[in-house]
Amino acid sequence: MAVTIRQTEAIPAEYPAILGHLELPAVWQRIEAYTAWRWTPRQVVWLVEGAGDWQAPLAPAVLQSVEAWDGGLWKACIPDASAWGGYDLPGCGPYRITAIVGDGVPMPPAAVIEAARRLADYLDGMPDIAPGATSYSLNIGQVQESIEVSTSHIGRAMQNSGAADLLRPYRRA
């Protein structure tokens, strides 16, 4: 079985807009790090080793080229389709596989848009706390506000916002 050694993914030209928010690249980058699906087109290059079945780890993917390393040069090759829906790489490689991922539809599915909105709302509601701090307090006259947060509050944002539940179908390509 062929193994993906490296994945180099370009940054898309733009991300979808989230209702009530502007285009928020940080939110979409978190969602894309969590899922195997892409909704805005961009180029990806995978370096793959080994013979046998290989499937693109991101979806939807349209292969542009497959090249095999041969004595110091990349040479184009055309792999056969595999029985499992991927490609059957004939030798040990290494291979350089270039594709466009992301279908470029005007809007992602409603569940994905809702997940992005939830994550954006959750992150907007978080207080600005200095890195490494676990609390924040504000005193204005007799009014005092004090918030204590876990050090993982940002790292758990996907789960705490409810976005992770909506994105579960998109975790694997």
C-alpha atoms as a PDB file:
ATOM      1  CA  MET A   1       0.000   0.000   0.000  1.00  0.00           C
ATOM      2  CA  ALA A   2       1.306   3.427  -0.942  1.00  0.00           C
ATOM      3  CA  VAL A   3       1.823   5.935   1.892  1.00  0.00           C
ATOM      4  CA  THR A   4       1.518   9.721   1.760  1.00  0.00           C
ATOM      5  CA  ILE A   5       4.800  11.150   3.079  1.00  0.00           C
ATOM      6  CA  ARG A   6       4.150  14.872   2.642  1.00  0.00           C
ATOM      7  CA  GLN A   7       1.239  17.125   1.755  1.00  0.00           C
ATOM      8  CA  THR A   8       1.790  20.706   0.574  1.00  0.00           C
ATOM      9  CA  GLU A   9      -1.458  22.645   0.345  1.00  0.00           C
ATOM     10  CA  ALA A  10      -1.719  26.132  -1.128  1.00  0.00           C
ATOM     11  CA  ILE A  11      -3.789  28.814   0.577  1.00  0.00           C
ATOM     12  CA  PRO A  12      -6.985  29.468  -1.403  1.00  0.00           C
ATOM     13  CA  ALA A  13      -7.606  32.858  -2.988  1.00  0.00           C
ATOM     14  CA  GLU A  14     -10.625  33.394  -0.703  1.00  0.00           C
ATOM     15  CA  TYR A  15     -12.840  31.606   1.780  1.00  0.00           C
ATOM     16  CA  PRO A  16     -16.649  31.548   1.864  1.00  0.00           C
ATOM     17  CA  ALA A  17     -18.350  34.379   3.766  1.00  0.00           C
ATOM     18  CA  ILE A  18     -20.094  33.432   7.006  1.00  0.00           C
ATOM     19  CA  LEU A  19     -23.559  34.877   7.544  1.00  0.00           C
ATOM     20  CA  GLY A  20     -23.279  37.761   9.991  1.00  0.00           C
ATOM     21  CA  HIS A  21     -19.480  37.789   9.703  1.00  0.00           C
ATOM     22  CA  LEU A  22     -16.975  38.825   7.120  1.00  0.00           C
ATOM     23  CA  GLU A  23     -14.790  36.257   5.433  1.00  0.00           C
ATOM     24  CA  LEU A  24     -12.830  34.840   8.394  1.00  0.00           C
ATOM     25  CA  PRO A  25      -9.718  32.961   7.242  1.00  0.00           C
ATOM     26  CA  ALA A  26      -8.800  31.896  10.804  1.00  0.00           C
ATOM     27  CA  VAL A  27     -12.166  30.161  11.227  1.00  0.00           C
ATOM     28  CA  TRP A  28     -11.949  28.396   7.861  1.00  0.00           C
ATOM     29  CA  GLN A  29      -8.345  27.355   8.498  1.00  0.00           C
ATOM     30  CA  ARG A  30      -9.427  25.709  11.774  1.00  0.00           C
ATOM     31  CA  ILE A  31     -12.304  23.957  10.008  1.00  0.00           C
ATOM     32  CA  GLU A  32     -10.017  22.732   7.213  1.00  0.00           C
ATOM     33  CA  ALA A  33      -7.465  21.482   9.729  1.00  0.00           C
ATOM     34  CA  TYR A  34     -10.270  19.497  11.371  1.00  0.00           C
ATOM     35  CA  THR A  35     -11.799  18.067   8.183  1.00  0.00           C
ATOM     36  CA  ALA A  36     -10.623  16.300   5.042  1.00  0.00           C
ATOM     37  CA  TRP A  37     -12.936  18.331   2.794  1.00  0.00           C
ATOM     38  CA  ARG A  38     -12.179  21.582   1.007  1.00  0.00           C
ATOM     39  CA  TRP A  39     -14.805  23.935  -0.383  1.00  0.00           C
ATOM     40  CA  THR A  40     -12.619  26.551  -2.070  1.00  0.00           C
ATOM     41  CA  PRO A  41     -10.247  25.390  -4.823  1.00  0.00           C
ATOM     42  CA  ARG A  42      -6.486  25.269  -4.320  1.00  0.00           C
ATOM     43  CA  GLN A  43      -3.536  23.182  -5.454  1.00  0.00           C
ATOM     44  CA  VAL A  44      -2.146  20.342  -3.357  1.00  0.00           C
ATOM     45  CA  VAL A  45       1.012  18.345  -3.954  1.00  0.00           C
ATOM     46  CA  TRP A  46       1.490  14.971  -2.274  1.00  0.00           C
ATOM     47  CA  LEU A  47       4.740  13.017  -2.099  1.00  0.00           C
ATOM     48  CA  VAL A  48       3.918   9.320  -1.914  1.00  0.00           C
ATOM     49  CA  GLU A  49       6.082   6.213  -1.431  1.00  0.00           C
ATOM     50  CA  GLY A  50       5.351   2.574  -2.033  1.00  0.00           C
ATOM     51  CA  ALA A  51       3.438   0.496  -4.516  1.00  0.00           C
ATOM     52  CA  GLY A  52      -0.244  -0.289  -4.494  1.00  0.00           C
ATOM     53  CA  ASP A  53      -3.461   1.514  -3.670  1.00  0.00           C
ATOM     54  CA  TRP A  54      -3.304   5.245  -2.929  1.00  0.00           C
ATOM     55  CA  GLN A  55      -6.262   7.534  -2.303  1.00  0.00           C
ATOM     56  CA  ALA A  56      -6.175  11.311  -2.000  1.00  0.00           C
ATOM     57  CA  PRO A  57      -6.448  12.237   1.685  1.00  0.00           C
ATOM     58  CA  LEU A  58      -8.425  15.394   0.804  1.00  0.00           C
ATOM     59  CA  ALA A  59     -11.705  15.627  -1.089  1.00  0.00           C
ATOM     60  CA  PRO A  60     -12.921  16.472  -3.583  1.00  0.00           C
ATOM     61  CA  ALA A  61      -9.683  16.102  -5.530  1.00  0.00           C
ATOM     62  CA  VAL A  62      -9.077  16.243  -9.273  1.00  0.00           C
ATOM     63  CA  LEU A  63      -5.638  14.924 -10.192  1.00  0.00           C
ATOM     64  CA  GLN A  64      -3.620  17.076 -12.565  1.00  0.00           C
ATOM     65  CA  SER A  65      -0.462  14.996 -12.767  1.00  0.00           C
ATOM     66  CA  VAL A  66       1.307  11.956 -11.365  1.00  0.00           C
ATOM     67  CA  GLU A  67       5.083  11.799 -11.661  1.00  0.00           C
ATOM     68  CA  ALA A  68       7.552   9.113 -10.601  1.00  0.00           C
ATOM     69  CA  TRP A  69      11.128   9.834  -9.520  1.00  0.00           C
ATOM     70  CA  ASP A  70      13.498   8.181 -11.970  1.00  0.00           C
ATOM     71  CA  GLY A  71      17.237   8.663 -11.674  1.00  0.00           C
ATOM     72  CA  GLY A  72      17.198  12.315 -10.680  1.00  0.00           C
ATOM     73  CA  LEU A  73      14.175  13.455 -12.708  1.00  0.00           C
ATOM     74  CA  TRP A  74      10.417  13.504 -12.247  1.00  0.00           C
ATOM     75  CA  LYS A  75       8.807  11.614 -15.130  1.00  0.00           C
ATOM     76  CA  ALA A  76       5.093  11.607 -15.902  1.00  0.00           C
ATOM     77  CA  CYS A  77       3.264   8.345 -15.324  1.00  0.00           C
ATOM     78  CA  ILE A  78      -0.353   7.265 -15.589  1.00  0.00           C
ATOM     79  CA  PRO A  79      -1.407   4.936 -12.771  1.00  0.00           C
ATOM     80  CA  ASP A  80      -4.286   2.515 -13.186  1.00  0.00           C
ATOM     81  CA  ALA A  81      -7.432   2.840 -11.118  1.00  0.00           C
ATOM     82  CA  SER A  82      -7.495   0.699  -7.982  1.00  0.00           C
ATOM     83  CA  ALA A  83     -10.348  -1.540  -6.928  1.00  0.00           C
ATOM     84  CA  TRP A  84     -10.966   0.715  -3.891  1.00  0.00           C
ATOM     85  CA  GLY A  85     -11.558   3.908  -5.845  1.00  0.00           C
ATOM     86  CA  GLY A  86      -8.064   5.357  -5.705  1.00  0.00           C
ATOM     87  CA  TYR A  87      -5.013   4.771  -7.866  1.00  0.00           C
ATOM     88  CA  ASP A  88      -2.759   1.745  -8.213  1.00  0.00           C
ATOM     89  CA  LEU A  89       0.832   3.004  -8.101  1.00  0.00           C
ATOM     90  CA  PRO A  90       2.977   0.436  -9.937  1.00  0.00           C
ATOM     91  CA  GLY A  91       6.445   0.750  -8.338  1.00  0.00           C
ATOM     92  CA  CYS A  92       7.923   1.901  -5.063  1.00  0.00           C
ATOM     93  CA  GLY A  93       8.145   5.547  -6.130  1.00  0.00           C
ATOM     94  CA  PRO A  94       8.533   8.067  -4.803  1.00  0.00           C
ATOM     95  CA  TYR A  95       5.670   9.774  -6.601  1.00  0.00           C
ATOM     96  CA  ARG A  96       4.693  13.429  -6.827  1.00  0.00           C
ATOM     97  CA  ILE A  97       0.945  13.790  -7.231  1.00  0.00           C
ATOM     98  CA  THR A  98      -0.528  17.208  -8.006  1.00  0.00           C
ATOM     99  CA  ALA A  99      -4.250  17.920  -7.731  1.00  0.00           C
ATOM    100  CA  ILE A 100      -6.815  20.662  -7.327  1.00  0.00           C
ATOM    101  CA  VAL A 101      -8.930  20.128  -4.210  1.00  0.00           C
ATOM    102  CA  GLY A 102     -12.130  21.984  -3.429  1.00  0.00           C
ATOM    103  CA  ASP A 103     -15.176  21.984  -5.611  1.00  0.00           C
ATOM    104  CA  GLY A 104     -15.646  25.746  -5.848  1.00  0.00           C
ATOM    105  CA  VAL A 105     -19.387  25.578  -5.215  1.00  0.00           C
ATOM    106  CA  PRO A 106     -20.762  29.003  -4.246  1.00  0.00           C
ATOM    107  CA  MET A 107     -21.530  27.853  -0.702  1.00  0.00           C
ATOM    108  CA  PRO A 108     -20.556  24.823   1.375  1.00  0.00           C
ATOM    109  CA  PRO A 109     -23.343  22.634   2.771  1.00  0.00           C
ATOM    110  CA  ALA A 110     -25.617  24.246   5.382  1.00  0.00           C
ATOM    111  CA  ALA A 111     -24.085  22.183   8.222  1.00  0.00           C
ATOM    112  CA  VAL A 112     -20.595  23.452   7.381  1.00  0.00           C
ATOM    113  CA  ILE A 113     -21.752  27.078   7.214  1.00  0.00           C
ATOM    114  CA  GLU A 114     -23.486  26.628  10.582  1.00  0.00           C
ATOM    115  CA  ALA A 115     -20.308  25.097  12.056  1.00  0.00           C
ATOM    116  CA  ALA A 116     -18.276  28.064  10.795  1.00  0.00           C
ATOM    117  CA  ARG A 117     -20.824  30.490  12.257  1.00  0.00           C
ATOM    118  CA  ARG A 118     -20.796  28.705  15.628  1.00  0.00           C
ATOM    119  CA  LEU A 119     -17.009  28.674  15.751  1.00  0.00           C
ATOM    120  CA  ALA A 120     -16.803  32.350  14.759  1.00  0.00           C
ATOM    121  CA  ASP A 121     -19.385  33.309  17.410  1.00  0.00           C
ATOM    122  CA  TYR A 122     -17.567  31.272  20.056  1.00  0.00           C
ATOM    123  CA  LEU A 123     -14.200  32.836  19.253  1.00  0.00           C
ATOM    124  CA  ASP A 124     -15.746  36.342  19.120  1.00  0.00           C
ATOM    125  CA  GLY A 125     -17.159  35.806  22.613  1.00  0.00           C
ATOM    126  CA  MET A 126     -13.833  34.818  24.158  1.00  0.00           C
ATOM    127  CA  PRO A 127     -12.150  37.523  26.228  1.00  0.00           C
ATOM    128  CA  ASP A 128      -8.753  38.749  25.110  1.00  0.00           C
ATOM    129  CA  ILE A 129      -6.477  37.053  27.602  1.00  0.00           C
ATOM    130  CA  ALA A 130      -2.718  37.334  27.394  1.00  0.00           C
ATOM    131  CA  PRO A 131      -0.961  34.148  26.271  1.00  0.00           C
ATOM    132  CA  GLY A 132      -0.232  31.914  29.238  1.00  0.00           C
ATOM    133  CA  ALA A 133      -2.767  33.668  31.501  1.00  0.00           C
ATOM    134  CA  THR A 134      -5.796  31.842  32.899  1.00  0.00           C
ATOM    135  CA  SER A 135      -7.851  34.760  34.128  1.00  0.00           C
ATOM    136  CA  TYR A 136      -8.883  38.262  33.309  1.00  0.00           C
ATOM    137  CA  SER A 137     -10.528  40.912  35.436  1.00  0.00           C
ATOM    138  CA  LEU A 138     -11.891  44.381  34.844  1.00  0.00           C
ATOM    139  CA  ASN A 139     -12.824  46.984  37.436  1.00  0.00           C
ATOM    140  CA  ILE A 140     -14.849  50.074  36.542  1.00  0.00           C
ATOM    141  CA  GLY A 141     -15.871  51.940  39.673  1.00  0.00           C
ATOM    142  CA  GLN A 142     -17.877  49.506  41.772  1.00  0.00           C
ATOM    143  CA  VAL A 143     -18.480  47.146  38.873  1.00  0.00           C
ATOM    144  CA  GLN A 144     -16.096  44.230  38.759  1.00  0.00           C
ATOM    145  CA  GLU A 145     -15.911  41.472  36.173  1.00  0.00           C
ATOM    146  CA  SER A 146     -13.659  38.469  36.569  1.00  0.00           C
ATOM    147  CA  ILE A 147     -13.366  35.530  34.186  1.00  0.00           C
ATOM    148  CA  GLU A 148     -11.287  32.432  34.704  1.00  0.00           C
ATOM    149  CA  VAL A 149     -10.692  30.157  31.740  1.00  0.00           C
ATOM    150  CA  SER A 150      -8.989  26.878  31.117  1.00  0.00           C
ATOM    151  CA  THR A 151      -5.648  27.130  29.359  1.00  0.00           C
ATOM    152  CA  SER A 152      -7.169  25.006  26.587  1.00  0.00           C
ATOM    153  CA  HIS A 153     -10.164  27.292  25.936  1.00  0.00           C
ATOM    154  CA  ILE A 154      -9.040  28.187  22.403  1.00  0.00           C
ATOM    155  CA  GLY A 155      -7.771  24.689  21.623  1.00  0.00           C
ATOM    156  CA  ARG A 156     -11.171  23.212  22.528  1.00  0.00           C
ATOM    157  CA  ALA A 157     -13.150  25.854  20.602  1.00  0.00           C
ATOM    158  CA  MET A 158     -14.182  23.416  17.851  1.00  0.00           C
ATOM    159  CA  GLN A 159     -15.777  21.067  20.422  1.00  0.00           C
ATOM    160  CA  ASN A 160     -17.061  23.714  22.858  1.00  0.00           C
ATOM    161  CA  SER A 161     -18.788  25.704  20.105  1.00  0.00           C
ATOM    162  CA  GLY A 162     -20.659  22.661  18.784  1.00  0.00           C
ATOM    163  CA  ALA A 163     -18.958  22.965  15.371  1.00  0.00           C
ATOM    164  CA  ALA A 164     -17.218  19.577  15.689  1.00  0.00           C
ATOM    165  CA  ASP A 165     -20.529  17.695  15.835  1.00  0.00           C
ATOM    166  CA  LEU A 166     -21.702  19.319  12.616  1.00  0.00           C
ATOM    167  CA  LEU A 167     -18.409  18.576  10.848  1.00  0.00           C
ATOM    168  CA  ARG A 168     -18.260  14.863  11.738  1.00  0.00           C
ATOM    169  CA  PRO A 169     -19.332  13.683   8.237  1.00  0.00           C
ATOM    170  CA  TYR A 170     -16.425  15.615   6.693  1.00  0.00           C
ATOM    171  CA  ARG A 171     -13.592  14.239   8.842  1.00  0.00           C
ATOM    172  CA  ARG A 172     -12.469  11.661   6.246  1.00  0.00           C
ATOM    173  CA  ALA A 173     -12.168  11.904   2.494  1.00  0.00           C
END
